[in-house]
């Protein structure tokens, strides 16, 4: 029996060694290596941007932009989706030729390219092999709306019903989502699928801290620059399709230029816009962002500091007045205010009569 046991053990060891050897050969020589096409994604995206600029496109022409990490088999990449408004005088066929030339110069290819004369749109998908790196839609339209208003809805993340009701308005509101809440990711996915803009509603330390609590995952004054970056990146990565950031509370942080430089440095690196919620009249966020070359906007009207229908309707009247006077306005409301939805339902049709178009906040950044 002992001899049989020893023989079995030897056989088991030999089989194990052979198995390990085969696995090593597979890992080393047979299994294809992971290919990261993120660099190619960036080059293609930049080449497309240069063509769009040559055709007169600016930030004001952006309808929608978002980036998504993708993985298939042994390949990883960043897929960029863009919807851009271009002038009515632009020849879409010529634009298609210019885009194809620029994309092929980066070693990529046009997967599909369609010009639809009926809808005045150009649609293309560009990539390598079977991998789509960029999805682009150009919409040929006449001049930009004369009056534009961006309305941000803050504090999303814990109430799915509120999102459903807001989406039912069928208006391109901007949805500011708190990080780390139960439905944060699901809401971002739902809003993006509906074609609307998602930004991170980043908690920041207020003047009344710690009595006044900004909530989880906040940026605090005591944090190092590295800690600020780590917190922002964690929050950004947890909410898909993020186009930018605005502050939740944060009166103390937004008054501090050094802290704002730390925040803006991260946003600039990742090409994200910032909207200063203006929770403090002494905020330096806008000035700091402008200095550092970020895309920036700031809140001009809080709609619902009082959860009162009459008050909110008056605030929306103020939004309309500013839009007509200045051509553009940014306002902020809150998802937990029950009367805000009712006021929007009543007042937004009046905006249309005044010629005011609701737009994503990315169209109003400077």
Protein backbone atom coordinates (compact mmCIF):
# COMPACT_ATOMS: atom_id res chain seq x y z
CA UNK A 1 0.00 0.00 0.00
CA UNK A 2 2.86 2.33 0.87
CA UNK A 3 4.44 1.73 -2.54
CA UNK A 4 1.12 2.49 -4.27
CA UNK A 5 0.71 5.67 -2.23
CA UNK A 6 4.24 6.83 -3.08
CA UNK A 7 3.68 6.06 -6.75
CA UNK A 8 0.40 8.01 -6.71
CA UNK A 9 2.10 10.94 -5.00
CA UNK A 10 4.92 10.95 -7.56
CA UNK A 11 2.40 10.86 -10.40
CA UNK A 12 0.47 13.74 -8.83
CA UNK A 13 3.62 15.84 -8.47
CA UNK A 14 4.66 15.12 -12.07
CA UNK A 15 1.19 16.05 -13.40
CA UNK A 16 1.21 19.24 -11.31
CA UNK A 17 4.64 20.23 -12.63
CA UNK A 18 3.56 19.57 -16.20
CA UNK A 19 0.36 21.57 -15.61
CA UNK A 20 2.28 24.52 -14.20
CA UNK A 21 4.65 24.37 -17.14
CA UNK A 22 1.80 24.38 -19.64
CA UNK A 23 0.14 27.30 -17.83
CA UNK A 24 3.43 29.24 -17.84
CA UNK A 25 3.85 28.66 -21.57
CA UNK A 26 0.23 29.84 -22.10
CA UNK A 27 0.75 32.99 -20.07
CA UNK A 28 4.11 33.77 -21.66
CA UNK A 29 3.74 32.77 -25.29
CA UNK A 30 0.17 31.90 -26.20
CA UNK A 31 -2.28 34.21 -24.39
CA UNK A 32 -2.45 37.55 -26.18
CA UNK A 33 -1.29 40.50 -24.07
CA UNK A 34 -3.74 43.15 -22.85
CA UNK A 35 -3.81 46.01 -25.35
CA UNK A 36 -4.65 49.48 -24.05
CA UNK A 37 -6.11 51.71 -26.75
CA UNK A 38 -6.64 54.68 -24.41
CA UNK A 39 -3.79 56.60 -26.04
CA UNK A 40 -5.32 56.01 -29.45
CA UNK A 41 -8.70 57.12 -28.07
CA UNK A 42 -7.19 60.42 -26.95
CA UNK A 43 -5.43 61.02 -30.28
CA UNK A 44 -8.59 60.34 -32.29
CA UNK A 45 -10.66 62.58 -30.00
CA UNK A 46 -8.16 65.43 -30.29
CA UNK A 47 -8.00 65.07 -34.08
CA UNK A 48 -11.80 65.26 -34.28
CA UNK A 49 -11.82 68.34 -32.03
CA UNK A 50 -9.35 70.12 -34.33
CA UNK A 51 -11.57 69.45 -37.34
CA UNK A 52 -14.64 70.69 -35.47
CA UNK A 53 -12.82 73.89 -34.47
CA UNK A 54 -11.84 74.43 -38.12
CA UNK A 55 -15.55 74.27 -38.97
CA UNK A 56 -16.33 76.94 -36.38
CA UNK A 57 -17.45 74.82 -33.43
CA UNK A 58 -16.93 76.18 -29.90
CA UNK A 59 -18.07 75.17 -26.40
CA UNK A 60 -21.41 76.77 -27.16
CA UNK A 61 -21.98 74.17 -29.87
CA UNK A 62 -21.74 71.19 -27.52
CA UNK A 63 -25.02 69.35 -27.03
CA UNK A 64 -23.62 66.34 -25.22
CA UNK A 65 -20.21 64.82 -24.44
CA UNK A 66 -19.35 61.84 -22.28
CA UNK A 67 -16.54 59.30 -21.93
CA UNK A 68 -16.79 55.68 -20.85
CA UNK A 69 -14.16 53.06 -20.00
CA UNK A 70 -14.58 49.93 -22.13
CA UNK A 71 -13.12 46.44 -22.06
CA UNK A 72 -13.46 43.56 -24.53
CA UNK A 73 -11.41 40.38 -24.38
CA UNK A 74 -7.80 41.58 -24.04
CA UNK A 75 -8.45 45.19 -25.07
CA UNK A 76 -9.25 48.28 -22.99
CA UNK A 77 -10.06 51.78 -24.22
CA UNK A 78 -11.99 55.00 -23.60
CA UNK A 79 -15.06 55.49 -25.76
CA UNK A 80 -16.07 59.12 -26.35
CA UNK A 81 -19.58 60.07 -27.44
CA UNK A 82 -20.22 63.59 -28.74
CA UNK A 83 -23.20 65.42 -30.12
CA UNK A 84 -22.29 68.79 -31.62
CA UNK A 85 -24.31 71.55 -33.23
CA UNK A 86 -22.72 73.13 -36.32
CA UNK A 87 -23.74 76.01 -38.54
CA UNK A 88 -26.41 75.56 -41.18
CA UNK A 89 -23.93 76.66 -43.87
CA UNK A 90 -21.53 73.77 -43.24
CA UNK A 91 -21.42 71.07 -45.94
CA UNK A 92 -21.81 67.81 -44.02
CA UNK A 93 -20.18 65.76 -46.78
CA UNK A 94 -17.10 67.99 -46.67
CA UNK A 95 -17.05 67.74 -42.90
CA UNK A 96 -17.18 63.95 -43.22
CA UNK A 97 -14.19 63.91 -45.58
CA UNK A 98 -12.18 66.14 -43.26
CA UNK A 99 -13.02 63.96 -40.26
CA UNK A 100 -12.11 60.77 -42.12
CA UNK A 101 -8.73 62.18 -43.16
CA UNK A 102 -7.95 63.34 -39.62
CA UNK A 103 -9.00 60.03 -38.06
CA UNK A 104 -7.02 57.91 -40.52
CA UNK A 105 -3.95 60.09 -39.90
CA UNK A 106 -4.02 58.79 -36.32
CA UNK A 107 -3.96 55.16 -37.46
CA UNK A 108 -7.68 54.61 -36.82
CA UNK A 109 -10.48 54.05 -39.31
CA UNK A 110 -14.04 55.08 -40.04
CA UNK A 111 -16.32 52.19 -39.07
CA UNK A 112 -19.53 53.88 -40.20
CA UNK A 113 -20.24 57.34 -41.63
CA UNK A 114 -23.75 58.46 -42.57
CA UNK A 115 -25.03 61.83 -43.79
CA UNK A 116 -28.80 62.24 -43.49
CA UNK A 117 -30.06 65.17 -45.55
CA UNK A 118 -33.58 64.85 -44.13
CA UNK A 119 -32.47 65.46 -40.55
CA UNK A 120 -29.36 67.54 -41.36
CA UNK A 121 -27.12 65.21 -39.37
CA UNK A 122 -23.80 63.46 -39.83
CA UNK A 123 -23.18 60.33 -37.75
CA UNK A 124 -19.92 58.45 -37.56
CA UNK A 125 -18.19 55.75 -35.56
CA UNK A 126 -14.40 55.61 -35.59
CA UNK A 127 -12.03 53.07 -34.12
CA UNK A 128 -9.55 50.27 -34.65
CA UNK A 129 -10.49 46.72 -35.67
CA UNK A 130 -13.91 46.10 -34.12
CA UNK A 131 -13.37 48.61 -31.31
CA UNK A 132 -15.36 51.86 -31.40
CA UNK A 133 -13.27 54.68 -29.93
CA UNK A 134 -15.51 57.60 -30.89
CA UNK A 135 -19.18 58.11 -31.66
CA UNK A 136 -19.90 61.51 -33.18
CA UNK A 137 -23.14 63.17 -34.24
CA UNK A 138 -23.08 66.56 -35.96
CA UNK A 139 -26.38 68.42 -36.15
CA UNK A 140 -26.54 71.21 -38.70
CA UNK A 141 -28.69 73.95 -37.22
CA UNK A 142 -29.21 77.64 -37.67
CA UNK A 143 -28.05 80.16 -35.11
CA UNK A 144 -27.96 79.31 -31.41
CA UNK A 145 -31.08 80.10 -29.40
CA UNK A 146 -31.23 83.77 -28.53
CA UNK A 147 -32.00 83.15 -24.86
CA UNK A 148 -30.61 80.15 -22.98
CA UNK A 149 -31.11 78.89 -19.44
CA UNK A 150 -29.36 76.02 -17.67
CA UNK A 151 -31.21 74.58 -14.68
CA UNK A 152 -29.24 72.28 -12.38
CA UNK A 153 -31.07 69.94 -10.04
CA UNK A 154 -28.91 69.21 -6.98
CA UNK A 155 -28.84 66.52 -4.27
CA UNK A 156 -29.74 63.54 -6.44
CA UNK A 157 -28.66 60.07 -5.38
CA UNK A 158 -31.12 58.70 -2.86
CA UNK A 159 -34.53 59.13 -4.53
CA UNK A 160 -35.31 57.34 -7.80
CA UNK A 161 -38.88 58.67 -7.97
CA UNK A 162 -37.63 62.25 -8.03
CA UNK A 163 -35.48 61.46 -11.06
CA UNK A 164 -38.37 59.77 -12.88
CA UNK A 165 -40.57 62.82 -12.30
CA UNK A 166 -37.86 65.22 -13.48
CA UNK A 167 -37.14 63.21 -16.62
CA UNK A 168 -40.87 63.27 -17.40
CA UNK A 169 -40.53 67.03 -17.99
CA UNK A 170 -38.57 66.13 -21.16
CA UNK A 171 -36.33 69.14 -20.73
CA UNK A 172 -32.50 69.01 -20.81
CA UNK A 173 -31.98 69.80 -17.15
CA UNK A 174 -28.53 69.16 -15.69
CA UNK A 175 -28.53 66.48 -13.00
CA UNK A 176 -26.06 66.99 -10.10
CA UNK A 177 -25.57 63.68 -8.29
CA UNK A 178 -24.16 63.22 -4.79
CA UNK A 179 -21.42 60.57 -4.50
CA UNK A 180 -21.78 57.39 -2.49
CA UNK A 181 -25.55 57.40 -2.22
CA UNK A 182 -27.69 54.30 -2.76
CA UNK A 183 -28.80 55.18 -6.28
CA UNK A 184 -25.98 57.48 -7.43
CA UNK A 185 -24.68 55.20 -10.18
CA UNK A 186 -28.12 54.02 -11.31
CA UNK A 187 -29.39 57.59 -11.58
CA UNK A 188 -26.34 58.64 -13.63
CA UNK A 189 -26.95 55.75 -16.02
CA UNK A 190 -30.65 56.53 -16.32
CA UNK A 191 -30.07 60.25 -16.92
CA UNK A 192 -27.37 59.56 -19.49
CA UNK A 193 -29.59 57.06 -21.31
CA UNK A 194 -32.25 59.77 -21.52
CA UNK A 195 -29.66 62.01 -23.22
CA UNK A 196 -29.17 64.53 -20.42
CA UNK A 197 -26.11 65.85 -18.64
CA UNK A 198 -24.62 64.43 -15.45
CA UNK A 199 -22.31 66.29 -13.08
CA UNK A 200 -20.86 65.34 -9.71
CA UNK A 201 -22.41 67.24 -6.80
CA UNK A 202 -19.25 67.31 -4.69
CA UNK A 203 -19.70 67.91 -0.94
CA UNK A 204 -17.33 70.54 0.47
CA UNK A 205 -16.77 71.96 3.91
CA UNK A 206 -19.11 74.85 4.83
CA UNK A 207 -18.35 77.73 7.18
CA UNK A 208 -20.53 76.12 9.85
CA UNK A 209 -18.59 72.82 9.90
CA UNK A 210 -18.74 70.48 11.82
CA UNK A 211 -22.15 71.53 13.14
CA UNK A 212 -23.23 71.93 9.53
CA UNK A 213 -22.39 68.57 7.93
CA UNK A 214 -21.70 68.42 4.17
CA UNK A 215 -22.18 64.64 4.20
CA UNK A 216 -20.08 61.72 3.06
CA UNK A 217 -17.05 61.98 0.79
CA UNK A 218 -16.60 65.69 1.37
CA UNK A 219 -13.55 67.82 0.64
CA UNK A 220 -12.40 69.35 3.92
CA UNK A 221 -9.98 72.17 4.65
CA UNK A 222 -7.67 69.86 6.63
CA UNK A 223 -7.09 67.58 3.64
CA UNK A 224 -3.75 67.51 1.87
CA UNK A 225 -3.61 68.16 -1.87
CA UNK A 226 -3.14 64.42 -2.43
CA UNK A 227 -6.20 63.64 -0.28
CA UNK A 228 -8.30 66.18 -2.21
CA UNK A 229 -7.29 64.55 -5.50
CA UNK A 230 -7.95 61.05 -4.19
CA UNK A 231 -11.41 62.02 -2.94
CA UNK A 232 -12.37 63.73 -6.20
CA UNK A 233 -11.17 60.82 -8.32
CA UNK A 234 -13.02 58.31 -6.15
CA UNK A 235 -16.24 60.28 -6.48
CA UNK A 236 -15.83 60.90 -10.20
CA UNK A 237 -15.11 57.23 -10.89
CA UNK A 238 -18.18 56.14 -8.89
CA UNK A 239 -20.59 58.18 -11.02
CA UNK A 240 -20.47 57.28 -14.73
CA UNK A 241 -20.84 59.79 -17.56
CA UNK A 242 -19.75 62.79 -15.46
CA UNK A 243 -19.19 65.97 -17.51
CA UNK A 244 -18.25 68.20 -14.61
CA UNK A 245 -18.59 69.12 -10.95
CA UNK A 246 -20.46 71.60 -8.80
CA UNK A 247 -20.15 72.13 -5.05
CA UNK A 248 -22.59 70.90 -2.40
CA UNK A 249 -22.36 73.41 0.49
CA UNK A 250 -18.65 74.29 0.51
CA UNK A 251 -18.75 77.95 1.52
CA UNK A 252 -15.47 77.61 3.46
CA UNK A 253 -13.64 75.69 0.73
CA UNK A 254 -14.80 77.89 -2.14
CA UNK A 255 -13.58 80.99 -0.26
CA UNK A 256 -10.06 79.54 -0.08
CA UNK A 257 -7.96 80.07 -3.21
CA UNK A 258 -5.39 77.38 -2.38
CA UNK A 259 -8.05 74.71 -1.89
CA UNK A 260 -9.76 75.81 -5.08
CA UNK A 261 -6.47 75.49 -6.97
CA UNK A 262 -6.17 71.91 -5.71
CA UNK A 263 -9.70 71.11 -6.86
CA UNK A 264 -9.38 72.86 -10.22
CA UNK A 265 -6.05 71.17 -10.89
CA UNK A 266 -7.75 67.77 -10.81
CA UNK A 267 -10.67 68.93 -12.95
CA UNK A 268 -8.33 70.45 -15.52
CA UNK A 269 -6.33 67.23 -15.71
CA UNK A 270 -9.50 65.27 -16.44
CA UNK A 271 -11.05 67.96 -18.68
CA UNK A 272 -14.12 68.47 -16.51
CA UNK A 273 -16.10 71.69 -16.20
CA UNK A 274 -16.94 73.35 -12.88
CA UNK A 275 -20.09 75.17 -11.81
CA UNK A 276 -19.70 77.38 -8.75
CA UNK A 277 -22.94 76.94 -6.81
CA UNK A 278 -22.19 80.31 -5.15
CA UNK A 279 -23.03 79.17 -1.62
CA UNK A 280 -20.80 82.07 -0.55
CA UNK A 281 -20.72 85.57 -1.98
CA UNK A 282 -16.98 85.53 -1.21
CA UNK A 283 -16.33 82.47 -3.39
CA UNK A 284 -13.11 82.57 -5.41
CA UNK A 285 -13.98 79.44 -7.42
CA UNK A 286 -14.92 81.29 -10.61
CA UNK A 287 -11.84 83.54 -10.54
CA UNK A 288 -9.52 80.61 -9.80
CA UNK A 289 -10.99 78.45 -12.55
CA UNK A 290 -10.69 81.27 -15.10
CA UNK A 291 -7.02 81.77 -14.17
CA UNK A 292 -6.33 78.07 -14.63
CA UNK A 293 -8.12 77.83 -17.98
CA UNK A 294 -11.06 75.66 -16.92
CA UNK A 295 -14.53 75.67 -18.42
CA UNK A 296 -16.52 77.46 -15.73
CA UNK A 297 -20.02 78.73 -15.00
CA UNK A 298 -21.65 80.01 -11.83
CA UNK A 299 -25.09 79.89 -10.27
CA UNK A 300 -27.11 83.09 -10.53
CA UNK A 301 -30.41 82.05 -8.95
CA UNK A 302 -31.30 79.54 -6.24
CA UNK A 303 -34.84 78.50 -7.09
CA UNK A 304 -36.02 76.96 -3.86
CA UNK A 305 -34.36 78.21 -0.69
CA UNK A 306 -38.00 78.22 0.42
CA UNK A 307 -40.13 75.14 -0.33
CA UNK A 308 -43.03 77.32 -1.34
CA UNK A 309 -44.70 77.17 -4.76
CA UNK A 310 -45.31 80.91 -5.00
CA UNK A 311 -41.72 81.71 -4.05
CA UNK A 312 -40.24 79.22 -6.52
CA UNK A 313 -42.41 80.55 -9.35
CA UNK A 314 -41.16 84.07 -8.61
CA UNK A 315 -37.58 82.78 -8.73
CA UNK A 316 -38.25 81.18 -12.11
CA UNK A 317 -39.65 84.51 -13.29
CA UNK A 318 -36.32 86.02 -12.22
CA UNK A 319 -34.46 83.35 -14.20
CA UNK A 320 -36.50 84.24 -17.29
CA UNK A 321 -35.84 87.95 -16.77
CA UNK A 322 -32.06 87.43 -16.56
CA UNK A 323 -32.08 85.13 -19.61
CA UNK A 324 -33.89 87.71 -21.73
CA UNK A 325 -31.67 90.53 -20.47
CA UNK A 326 -28.28 88.79 -20.75
CA UNK A 327 -28.99 85.98 -23.22
CA UNK A 328 -28.02 83.31 -20.69
CA UNK A 329 -28.53 82.28 -17.08
CA UNK A 330 -27.65 79.41 -14.73
CA UNK A 331 -30.00 78.44 -11.89
CA UNK A 332 -30.07 75.71 -9.25
CA UNK A 333 -33.00 73.79 -7.73
CA UNK A 334 -33.15 70.79 -5.42
CA UNK A 335 -34.71 67.38 -5.94
CA UNK A 336 -36.09 67.14 -2.39
CA UNK A 337 -38.19 70.30 -2.77
CA UNK A 338 -41.69 69.04 -3.54
CA UNK A 339 -42.87 72.31 -5.04
CA UNK A 340 -39.93 72.72 -7.43
CA UNK A 341 -41.25 70.14 -9.89
CA UNK A 342 -44.72 71.76 -9.87
CA UNK A 343 -43.21 75.18 -10.50
CA UNK A 344 -41.11 73.85 -13.39
CA UNK A 345 -44.15 72.15 -14.91
CA UNK A 346 -46.02 75.44 -14.83
CA UNK A 347 -43.27 77.86 -15.80
CA UNK A 348 -41.21 76.08 -18.46
CA UNK A 349 -43.96 76.41 -21.10
CA UNK A 350 -43.84 80.15 -20.41
CA UNK A 351 -40.09 80.09 -21.05
CA UNK A 352 -40.75 78.69 -24.52
CA UNK A 353 -43.23 81.50 -25.26
CA UNK A 354 -40.50 84.00 -24.31
CA UNK A 355 -38.04 82.27 -26.64
CA UNK A 356 -35.93 80.85 -23.80
CA UNK A 357 -34.38 77.45 -24.47
CA UNK A 358 -33.35 75.12 -21.64
CA UNK A 359 -29.81 73.82 -22.32
CA UNK A 360 -27.24 71.64 -20.52
CA UNK A 361 -24.91 73.70 -18.34
CA UNK A 362 -21.97 72.69 -20.56
CA UNK A 363 -23.38 75.04 -23.19
CA UNK A 364 -23.09 78.02 -20.86
CA UNK A 365 -19.56 77.54 -19.53
CA UNK A 366 -16.93 80.11 -20.38
